[in-house]
Amino acid sequence: MAISPPARSWRNAWPRTLRPHRRRRRCCPCPCIARLRRRGYDQALELARPLARALGLPLRTDLLQRGRATAAQTRLDAAARRRNLQGAFAVRARAPLPAHVVLLDDVMTTGATLHAAAAALRAAGVARVEAWVCARVA
């Protein structure tokens, strides 16, 4: 199977010094129900699949879920985004928790989504959460 261009770029750029730690990492796409409904696919998941495969990271789509629907964030400022996402993510109780999760999303604007998702993972017992994104918007 072909590797997507973003996954190939990340794989090639990933420092060799970090590669030994991949045995402990699990890749988890940031879930987004609204995008899935609106577009017919979840871009974080579509990016995570080839990236996890290319880097040899187990993909865990069973760890995190949206606990509740949230308003669109497009027109919200940073403080409103944080309030909007409070309690929006939940860790699935039946999923065994890894010690180290790579949380993947397509775009980061204020970081509110990644922060809320990481907070849910940490509260459930995940020791370390890394946030990886394809694009950063200022």
N, C-alpha and C. Protein backbone atom coordinates (compact mmCIF):
# COMPACT_ATOMS: atom_id res chain seq x y z
N MET A 1 0.84 -1.18 0.00
CA MET A 1 0.00 0.00 0.00
C MET A 1 0.88 1.24 0.00
N ALA A 2 0.50 2.23 -0.77
CA ALA A 2 1.27 3.46 -0.87
C ALA A 2 1.12 4.31 0.39
N ILE A 3 2.18 5.03 0.72
CA ILE A 3 2.17 5.93 1.86
C ILE A 3 1.81 7.31 1.36
N SER A 4 0.89 7.97 2.05
CA SER A 4 0.47 9.31 1.63
C SER A 4 1.63 10.29 1.76
N PRO A 5 1.64 11.37 0.97
CA PRO A 5 2.73 12.35 1.06
C PRO A 5 2.96 12.92 2.46
N PRO A 6 1.88 13.29 3.24
CA PRO A 6 2.17 13.79 4.59
C PRO A 6 2.84 12.73 5.48
N ALA A 7 2.39 11.50 5.38
CA ALA A 7 2.99 10.44 6.20
C ALA A 7 4.43 10.20 5.79
N ARG A 8 4.70 10.23 4.50
CA ARG A 8 6.07 10.03 4.01
C ARG A 8 6.97 11.14 4.52
N SER A 9 6.49 12.38 4.48
CA SER A 9 7.29 13.51 4.95
C SER A 9 7.59 13.38 6.44
N TRP A 10 6.56 13.02 7.23
CA TRP A 10 6.78 12.87 8.66
C TRP A 10 7.73 11.73 8.96
N ARG A 11 7.56 10.61 8.25
CA ARG A 11 8.43 9.47 8.49
C ARG A 11 9.88 9.84 8.21
N ASN A 12 10.10 10.53 7.10
CA ASN A 12 11.46 10.90 6.72
C ASN A 12 12.06 11.95 7.64
N ALA A 13 11.23 12.82 8.19
CA ALA A 13 11.72 13.89 9.05
C ALA A 13 11.85 13.47 10.51
N TRP A 14 11.21 12.36 10.88
CA TRP A 14 11.22 11.94 12.27
C TRP A 14 12.64 11.61 12.71
N PRO A 15 13.17 12.30 13.71
CA PRO A 15 14.55 12.07 14.11
C PRO A 15 14.80 10.61 14.50
N ARG A 16 15.92 10.11 14.06
CA ARG A 16 16.28 8.72 14.36
C ARG A 16 16.38 8.47 15.87
N THR A 17 16.71 9.51 16.62
CA THR A 17 16.83 9.34 18.08
C THR A 17 15.49 9.05 18.73
N LEU A 18 14.37 9.45 18.10
CA LEU A 18 13.05 9.19 18.67
C LEU A 18 12.51 7.83 18.27
N ARG A 19 13.01 7.25 17.21
CA ARG A 19 12.46 6.01 16.70
C ARG A 19 12.51 4.84 17.69
N PRO A 20 13.53 4.70 18.52
CA PRO A 20 13.49 3.58 19.48
C PRO A 20 12.31 3.64 20.45
N HIS A 21 11.75 4.81 20.69
CA HIS A 21 10.65 4.95 21.64
C HIS A 21 9.30 4.58 21.04
N ARG A 22 9.25 4.26 19.76
CA ARG A 22 7.97 3.99 19.13
C ARG A 22 7.28 2.74 19.68
N ARG A 23 8.04 1.85 20.29
CA ARG A 23 7.43 0.64 20.85
C ARG A 23 6.43 0.97 21.95
N ARG A 24 6.64 2.07 22.65
CA ARG A 24 5.74 2.44 23.74
C ARG A 24 4.63 3.38 23.30
N ARG A 25 4.76 4.02 22.17
CA ARG A 25 3.77 4.99 21.71
C ARG A 25 2.60 4.30 21.03
N ARG A 26 1.43 4.92 21.19
CA ARG A 26 0.23 4.50 20.47
C ARG A 26 -0.33 5.74 19.81
N CYS A 27 -0.70 5.65 18.56
CA CYS A 27 -1.22 6.78 17.80
C CYS A 27 -2.74 6.81 17.93
N CYS A 28 -3.27 7.97 18.31
CA CYS A 28 -4.71 8.14 18.51
C CYS A 28 -5.17 9.40 17.78
N PRO A 29 -6.00 9.25 16.75
CA PRO A 29 -6.52 10.46 16.08
C PRO A 29 -7.51 11.18 16.98
N CYS A 30 -7.51 12.49 16.90
CA CYS A 30 -8.45 13.29 17.67
C CYS A 30 -9.83 13.15 17.04
N PRO A 31 -10.80 12.58 17.75
CA PRO A 31 -12.10 12.32 17.13
C PRO A 31 -12.91 13.59 16.90
N CYS A 32 -13.58 13.64 15.78
CA CYS A 32 -14.41 14.81 15.47
C CYS A 32 -15.65 14.35 14.72
N ILE A 33 -16.75 14.29 15.41
CA ILE A 33 -18.01 13.82 14.83
C ILE A 33 -18.54 14.81 13.79
N ALA A 34 -18.40 16.11 14.07
CA ALA A 34 -18.96 17.13 13.17
C ALA A 34 -18.33 17.06 11.79
N ARG A 35 -17.00 16.93 11.73
CA ARG A 35 -16.33 16.85 10.43
C ARG A 35 -16.77 15.60 9.68
N LEU A 36 -16.90 14.51 10.41
CA LEU A 36 -17.32 13.26 9.79
C LEU A 36 -18.70 13.41 9.17
N ARG A 37 -19.62 14.01 9.91
CA ARG A 37 -20.97 14.22 9.38
C ARG A 37 -20.98 15.16 8.19
N ARG A 38 -20.24 16.24 8.30
CA ARG A 38 -20.25 17.28 7.26
C ARG A 38 -19.52 16.84 5.99
N ARG A 39 -18.38 16.21 6.14
CA ARG A 39 -17.53 15.88 4.99
C ARG A 39 -17.58 14.42 4.56
N GLY A 40 -18.09 13.57 5.42
CA GLY A 40 -18.14 12.16 5.09
C GLY A 40 -16.89 11.40 5.49
N TYR A 41 -15.93 12.09 6.09
CA TYR A 41 -14.71 11.43 6.58
C TYR A 41 -14.11 12.28 7.69
N ASP A 42 -13.24 11.68 8.47
CA ASP A 42 -12.56 12.38 9.55
C ASP A 42 -11.10 12.52 9.14
N GLN A 43 -10.67 13.74 8.84
CA GLN A 43 -9.32 13.92 8.31
C GLN A 43 -8.22 13.53 9.30
N ALA A 44 -8.44 13.66 10.59
CA ALA A 44 -7.43 13.23 11.55
C ALA A 44 -7.22 11.72 11.46
N LEU A 45 -8.30 10.98 11.31
CA LEU A 45 -8.19 9.52 11.15
C LEU A 45 -7.53 9.16 9.83
N GLU A 46 -7.90 9.87 8.77
CA GLU A 46 -7.31 9.59 7.46
C GLU A 46 -5.82 9.90 7.43
N LEU A 47 -5.37 10.86 8.20
CA LEU A 47 -3.94 11.15 8.32
C LEU A 47 -3.24 10.15 9.23
N ALA A 48 -3.93 9.73 10.29
CA ALA A 48 -3.32 8.82 11.27
C ALA A 48 -3.06 7.44 10.69
N ARG A 49 -3.95 6.94 9.85
CA ARG A 49 -3.77 5.58 9.31
C ARG A 49 -2.43 5.40 8.60
N PRO A 50 -2.13 6.19 7.56
CA PRO A 50 -0.86 5.96 6.87
C PRO A 50 0.35 6.36 7.72
N LEU A 51 0.19 7.37 8.57
CA LEU A 51 1.30 7.78 9.41
C LEU A 51 1.67 6.70 10.41
N ALA A 52 0.68 6.14 11.08
CA ALA A 52 0.94 5.07 12.04
C ALA A 52 1.59 3.88 11.35
N ARG A 53 1.09 3.54 10.18
CA ARG A 53 1.66 2.43 9.41
C ARG A 53 3.11 2.72 9.03
N ALA A 54 3.38 3.93 8.53
CA ALA A 54 4.72 4.29 8.09
C ALA A 54 5.73 4.32 9.23
N LEU A 55 5.27 4.75 10.42
CA LEU A 55 6.17 4.87 11.56
C LEU A 55 6.17 3.63 12.45
N GLY A 56 5.33 2.66 12.14
CA GLY A 56 5.28 1.45 12.95
C GLY A 56 4.62 1.66 14.30
N LEU A 57 3.69 2.63 14.38
CA LEU A 57 2.98 2.89 15.63
C LEU A 57 1.62 2.21 15.60
N PRO A 58 1.26 1.49 16.64
CA PRO A 58 -0.09 0.93 16.68
C PRO A 58 -1.14 2.05 16.70
N LEU A 59 -2.15 1.91 15.87
CA LEU A 59 -3.22 2.90 15.78
C LEU A 59 -4.33 2.51 16.75
N ARG A 60 -4.71 3.43 17.63
CA ARG A 60 -5.75 3.18 18.62
C ARG A 60 -6.91 4.14 18.39
N THR A 61 -7.90 3.68 17.68
CA THR A 61 -9.09 4.50 17.46
C THR A 61 -10.14 4.24 18.54
N ASP A 62 -9.84 3.33 19.46
CA ASP A 62 -10.78 2.95 20.51
C ASP A 62 -10.55 3.66 21.84
N LEU A 63 -9.56 4.55 21.91
CA LEU A 63 -9.23 5.18 23.19
C LEU A 63 -10.11 6.37 23.55
N LEU A 64 -10.35 7.22 22.58
CA LEU A 64 -10.95 8.51 22.86
C LEU A 64 -12.22 8.69 22.05
N GLN A 65 -13.21 9.29 22.66
CA GLN A 65 -14.45 9.57 21.94
C GLN A 65 -14.97 10.95 22.34
N ARG A 66 -15.82 11.49 21.50
CA ARG A 66 -16.48 12.75 21.85
C ARG A 66 -17.56 12.42 22.86
N GLY A 67 -17.49 13.03 24.02
CA GLY A 67 -18.48 12.79 25.06
C GLY A 67 -19.76 13.56 24.82
N ARG A 68 -19.65 14.68 24.12
CA ARG A 68 -20.81 15.50 23.81
C ARG A 68 -20.52 16.31 22.55
N ALA A 69 -21.57 16.73 21.90
CA ALA A 69 -21.43 17.59 20.73
C ALA A 69 -21.03 18.99 21.17
N THR A 70 -20.27 19.68 20.34
CA THR A 70 -19.85 21.05 20.64
C THR A 70 -20.20 21.97 19.49
N ALA A 71 -20.23 23.25 19.77
CA ALA A 71 -20.48 24.24 18.72
C ALA A 71 -19.26 24.33 17.81
N ALA A 72 -19.46 24.77 16.58
CA ALA A 72 -18.35 24.99 15.66
C ALA A 72 -17.40 26.01 16.26
N GLN A 73 -16.10 25.79 16.10
CA GLN A 73 -15.10 26.64 16.73
C GLN A 73 -14.61 27.78 15.83
N THR A 74 -14.99 27.76 14.58
CA THR A 74 -14.45 28.68 13.59
C THR A 74 -14.47 30.14 14.02
N ARG A 75 -15.54 30.59 14.58
CA ARG A 75 -15.66 32.01 14.94
C ARG A 75 -15.42 32.30 16.42
N LEU A 76 -14.96 31.32 17.16
CA LEU A 76 -14.73 31.50 18.59
C LEU A 76 -13.30 31.94 18.88
N ASP A 77 -13.13 32.81 19.89
CA ASP A 77 -11.77 33.16 20.30
C ASP A 77 -11.22 32.04 21.19
N ALA A 78 -9.98 32.19 21.61
CA ALA A 78 -9.30 31.12 22.36
C ALA A 78 -10.03 30.75 23.65
N ALA A 79 -10.46 31.74 24.41
CA ALA A 79 -11.15 31.46 25.68
C ALA A 79 -12.48 30.75 25.43
N ALA A 80 -13.20 31.18 24.42
CA ALA A 80 -14.49 30.56 24.09
C ALA A 80 -14.28 29.14 23.59
N ARG A 81 -13.21 28.89 22.87
CA ARG A 81 -12.90 27.53 22.40
C ARG A 81 -12.64 26.61 23.58
N ARG A 82 -11.88 27.09 24.55
CA ARG A 82 -11.60 26.27 25.74
C ARG A 82 -12.89 25.93 26.49
N ARG A 83 -13.76 26.94 26.67
CA ARG A 83 -15.04 26.69 27.35
C ARG A 83 -15.90 25.72 26.54
N ASN A 84 -15.92 25.88 25.25
CA ASN A 84 -16.71 25.04 24.36
C ASN A 84 -16.31 23.56 24.46
N LEU A 85 -15.04 23.32 24.71
CA LEU A 85 -14.53 21.94 24.70
C LEU A 85 -14.40 21.31 26.09
N GLN A 86 -14.77 22.04 27.15
CA GLN A 86 -14.69 21.45 28.48
C GLN A 86 -15.59 20.22 28.54
N GLY A 87 -15.01 19.10 28.89
CA GLY A 87 -15.76 17.86 29.01
C GLY A 87 -16.23 17.27 27.70
N ALA A 88 -15.68 17.74 26.58
CA ALA A 88 -16.12 17.25 25.27
C ALA A 88 -15.57 15.87 24.93
N PHE A 89 -14.45 15.47 25.54
CA PHE A 89 -13.83 14.18 25.24
C PHE A 89 -13.92 13.25 26.44
N ALA A 90 -14.01 11.97 26.13
CA ALA A 90 -14.05 10.94 27.17
C ALA A 90 -13.21 9.76 26.71
N VAL A 91 -12.56 9.13 27.66
CA VAL A 91 -11.82 7.91 27.37
C VAL A 91 -12.77 6.74 27.52
N ARG A 92 -12.76 5.86 26.57
CA ARG A 92 -13.64 4.69 26.63
C ARG A 92 -13.17 3.77 27.75
N ALA A 93 -14.06 3.46 28.63
CA ALA A 93 -13.73 2.70 29.84
C ALA A 93 -13.18 1.31 29.54
N ARG A 94 -13.64 0.69 28.47
CA ARG A 94 -13.21 -0.68 28.20
C ARG A 94 -11.84 -0.77 27.53
N ALA A 95 -11.33 0.35 27.08
CA ALA A 95 -10.05 0.34 26.36
C ALA A 95 -8.89 0.28 27.35
N PRO A 96 -7.97 -0.70 27.16
CA PRO A 96 -6.77 -0.71 28.00
C PRO A 96 -5.92 0.51 27.66
N LEU A 97 -5.44 1.20 28.68
CA LEU A 97 -4.73 2.45 28.45
C LEU A 97 -3.23 2.23 28.27
N PRO A 98 -2.68 2.80 27.21
CA PRO A 98 -1.22 2.77 27.06
C PRO A 98 -0.60 3.86 27.94
N ALA A 99 0.69 3.77 28.17
CA ALA A 99 1.37 4.78 28.97
C ALA A 99 1.67 6.03 28.16
N HIS A 100 1.77 5.89 26.84
CA HIS A 100 2.24 6.99 25.99
C HIS A 100 1.36 7.06 24.74
N VAL A 101 0.69 8.20 24.53
CA VAL A 101 -0.20 8.38 23.39
C VAL A 101 0.27 9.55 22.53
N VAL A 102 0.31 9.32 21.23
CA VAL A 102 0.52 10.40 20.26
C VAL A 102 -0.87 10.79 19.77
N LEU A 103 -1.31 11.96 20.13
CA LEU A 103 -2.62 12.47 19.75
C LEU A 103 -2.45 13.25 18.45
N LEU A 104 -3.13 12.81 17.40
CA LEU A 104 -2.93 13.40 16.08
C LEU A 104 -4.17 14.16 15.63
N ASP A 105 -3.94 15.37 15.12
CA ASP A 105 -5.03 16.16 14.54
C ASP A 105 -4.51 16.81 13.27
N ASP A 106 -5.44 17.26 12.44
CA ASP A 106 -5.02 17.85 11.16
C ASP A 106 -4.50 19.27 11.33
N VAL A 107 -5.22 20.11 12.06
CA VAL A 107 -4.85 21.52 12.20
C VAL A 107 -4.97 21.95 13.66
N MET A 108 -4.01 22.76 14.11
CA MET A 108 -4.09 23.34 15.44
C MET A 108 -4.16 24.86 15.29
N THR A 109 -5.18 25.46 15.90
CA THR A 109 -5.30 26.91 15.88
C THR A 109 -4.90 27.44 17.25
N THR A 110 -5.75 27.26 18.24
CA THR A 110 -5.42 27.70 19.60
C THR A 110 -4.88 26.57 20.46
N GLY A 111 -5.08 25.33 20.03
CA GLY A 111 -4.67 24.18 20.83
C GLY A 111 -5.75 23.71 21.79
N ALA A 112 -6.91 24.33 21.77
CA ALA A 112 -7.97 23.98 22.72
C ALA A 112 -8.46 22.55 22.54
N THR A 113 -8.62 22.11 21.31
CA THR A 113 -9.09 20.74 21.05
C THR A 113 -8.08 19.73 21.55
N LEU A 114 -6.82 19.92 21.19
CA LEU A 114 -5.78 18.99 21.62
C LEU A 114 -5.62 19.01 23.14
N HIS A 115 -5.72 20.19 23.74
CA HIS A 115 -5.60 20.29 25.19
C HIS A 115 -6.73 19.53 25.89
N ALA A 116 -7.96 19.71 25.41
CA ALA A 116 -9.10 19.02 26.02
C ALA A 116 -8.99 17.50 25.86
N ALA A 117 -8.57 17.06 24.69
CA ALA A 117 -8.41 15.62 24.45
C ALA A 117 -7.29 15.05 25.30
N ALA A 118 -6.17 15.77 25.37
CA ALA A 118 -5.04 15.31 26.19
C ALA A 118 -5.41 15.29 27.67
N ALA A 119 -6.18 16.27 28.12
CA ALA A 119 -6.60 16.30 29.52
C ALA A 119 -7.45 15.08 29.86
N ALA A 120 -8.32 14.68 28.94
CA ALA A 120 -9.15 13.49 29.19
C ALA A 120 -8.28 12.24 29.27
N LEU A 121 -7.30 12.13 28.40
CA LEU A 121 -6.40 10.97 28.42
C LEU A 121 -5.58 10.95 29.71
N ARG A 122 -5.05 12.10 30.10
CA ARG A 122 -4.24 12.17 31.33
C ARG A 122 -5.09 11.87 32.56
N ALA A 123 -6.30 12.38 32.60
CA ALA A 123 -7.19 12.13 33.75
C ALA A 123 -7.53 10.65 33.87
N ALA A 124 -7.55 9.96 32.75
CA ALA A 124 -7.87 8.52 32.76
C ALA A 124 -6.66 7.67 33.13
N GLY A 125 -5.46 8.27 33.13
CA GLY A 125 -4.28 7.52 33.55
C GLY A 125 -3.17 7.39 32.53
N VAL A 126 -3.29 8.01 31.38
CA VAL A 126 -2.20 7.98 30.40
C VAL A 126 -1.09 8.89 30.94
N ALA A 127 0.12 8.35 31.04
CA ALA A 127 1.22 9.09 31.65
C ALA A 127 1.76 10.21 30.77
N ARG A 128 1.80 9.97 29.47
CA ARG A 128 2.39 10.97 28.57
C ARG A 128 1.55 11.09 27.30
N VAL A 129 1.25 12.34 26.91
CA VAL A 129 0.50 12.60 25.69
C VAL A 129 1.30 13.60 24.86
N GLU A 130 1.58 13.24 23.62
CA GLU A 130 2.21 14.15 22.66
C GLU A 130 1.15 14.60 21.68
N ALA A 131 1.21 15.84 21.25
CA ALA A 131 0.29 16.36 20.23
C ALA A 131 1.05 16.55 18.94
N TRP A 132 0.60 15.87 17.88
CA TRP A 132 1.17 16.01 16.55
C TRP A 132 0.10 16.58 15.63
N VAL A 133 0.45 17.58 14.85
CA VAL A 133 -0.49 18.18 13.91
C VAL A 133 0.19 18.34 12.55
N CYS A 134 -0.64 18.39 11.51
CA CYS A 134 -0.12 18.60 10.16
C CYS A 134 0.09 20.07 9.86
N ALA A 135 -0.72 20.94 10.46
CA ALA A 135 -0.62 22.36 10.19
C ALA A 135 -0.90 23.15 11.47
N ARG A 136 -0.24 24.28 11.59
CA ARG A 136 -0.46 25.19 12.73
C ARG A 136 -0.93 26.51 12.15
N VAL A 137 -2.08 26.98 12.60
CA VAL A 137 -2.65 28.24 12.13
C VAL A 137 -2.53 29.25 13.26
N ALA A 138 -2.02 30.41 12.94
CA ALA A 138 -1.84 31.45 13.98
C ALA A 138 -3.03 32.39 14.00
